[in-house]
């Protein structure tokens, strides 16, 4: 039963990631692209955690924490670049 639920969740998050990639490439404004990129990082985290549950190893959870930190910093840096034109003052 858990395998069916994991397969369904993996399919849903994969579809969400593909739709976010579509919005990121064709977004009309840069704000749409930033939000799509941030949401794609969250979907990638969910996929990684679900795969870790499927495999039963804690390695994927540690990788998810690292990707979450990098995703947050990259979103902040990209927003700063859009607002100010530079990242470091």
Protein backbone atom coordinates (compact mmCIF):
# COMPACT_ATOMS: atom_id res chain seq x y z
CA UNK A 1 0.00 0.00 0.00
CA UNK A 2 2.81 2.43 0.84
CA UNK A 3 4.44 1.74 -2.53
CA UNK A 4 1.26 2.80 -4.32
CA UNK A 5 1.03 6.00 -2.28
CA UNK A 6 4.69 6.78 -2.91
CA UNK A 7 4.30 6.16 -6.65
CA UNK A 8 1.27 8.45 -6.79
CA UNK A 9 3.05 11.18 -4.81
CA UNK A 10 6.16 10.89 -6.97
CA UNK A 11 4.01 11.23 -10.09
CA UNK A 12 2.19 14.28 -8.74
CA UNK A 13 5.37 16.08 -7.69
CA UNK A 14 7.05 15.20 -10.99
CA UNK A 15 4.13 16.71 -12.88
CA UNK A 16 4.32 19.79 -10.64
CA UNK A 17 8.04 20.12 -11.36
CA UNK A 18 7.44 19.93 -15.10
CA UNK A 19 4.71 22.57 -14.91
CA UNK A 20 6.99 24.82 -12.87
CA UNK A 21 9.72 24.40 -15.46
CA UNK A 22 7.23 25.40 -18.15
CA UNK A 23 6.27 28.52 -16.16
CA UNK A 24 9.92 29.33 -15.54
CA UNK A 25 10.78 29.21 -19.23
CA UNK A 26 7.67 30.98 -20.55
CA UNK A 27 6.79 33.26 -17.62
CA UNK A 28 5.77 36.71 -18.79
CA UNK A 29 7.58 38.54 -15.98
CA UNK A 30 10.71 37.93 -13.96
CA UNK A 31 8.62 37.65 -10.78
CA UNK A 32 6.83 34.65 -12.31
CA UNK A 33 10.17 33.08 -13.10
CA UNK A 34 11.46 33.63 -9.56
CA UNK A 35 8.36 32.09 -8.00
CA UNK A 36 8.47 29.15 -10.40
CA UNK A 37 12.12 28.52 -9.58
CA UNK A 38 11.45 28.63 -5.84
CA UNK A 39 8.48 26.29 -6.20
CA UNK A 40 10.56 23.96 -8.36
CA UNK A 41 13.16 23.75 -5.58
CA UNK A 42 10.40 22.83 -3.11
CA UNK A 43 9.08 20.15 -5.50
CA UNK A 44 12.60 18.78 -5.94
CA UNK A 45 12.92 18.58 -2.17
CA UNK A 46 9.65 16.67 -1.95
CA UNK A 47 10.80 14.27 -4.68
CA UNK A 48 14.08 13.69 -2.90
CA UNK A 49 12.40 13.02 0.43
CA UNK A 50 9.85 10.67 -1.14
CA UNK A 51 12.63 8.78 -2.87
CA UNK A 52 14.45 8.54 0.47
CA UNK A 53 11.33 7.05 2.04
CA UNK A 54 11.08 4.60 -0.86
CA UNK A 55 14.72 3.53 -0.53
CA UNK A 56 14.69 3.60 3.28
CA UNK A 57 18.01 5.41 3.63
CA UNK A 58 18.64 8.65 5.57
CA UNK A 59 21.18 9.96 3.03
CA UNK A 60 18.49 11.58 0.91
CA UNK A 61 17.18 13.56 3.87
CA UNK A 62 20.59 15.11 4.46
CA UNK A 63 20.83 15.98 0.77
CA UNK A 64 17.36 17.55 0.97
CA UNK A 65 18.48 19.83 3.81
CA UNK A 66 21.50 20.98 1.78
CA UNK A 67 19.38 21.63 -1.31
CA UNK A 68 16.88 23.58 0.82
CA UNK A 69 19.63 25.87 2.09
CA UNK A 70 21.07 26.42 -1.39
CA UNK A 71 17.59 26.99 -2.82
CA UNK A 72 16.76 29.63 -0.23
CA UNK A 73 20.03 31.50 -0.74
CA UNK A 74 19.69 31.39 -4.53
CA UNK A 75 16.12 32.72 -4.38
CA UNK A 76 17.18 35.61 -2.16
CA UNK A 77 20.17 36.38 -4.39
CA UNK A 78 18.06 36.33 -7.56
CA UNK A 79 15.43 38.60 -6.01
CA UNK A 80 18.12 40.99 -4.87
CA UNK A 81 19.60 41.04 -8.33
CA UNK A 82 16.21 41.81 -9.87
CA UNK A 83 15.50 44.61 -7.40
CA UNK A 84 18.89 46.31 -7.15
CA UNK A 85 20.90 45.15 -10.13
CA UNK A 86 23.70 43.70 -7.98
CA UNK A 87 23.90 41.00 -5.35
CA UNK A 88 26.71 42.25 -3.11
CA UNK A 89 26.66 45.84 -1.95
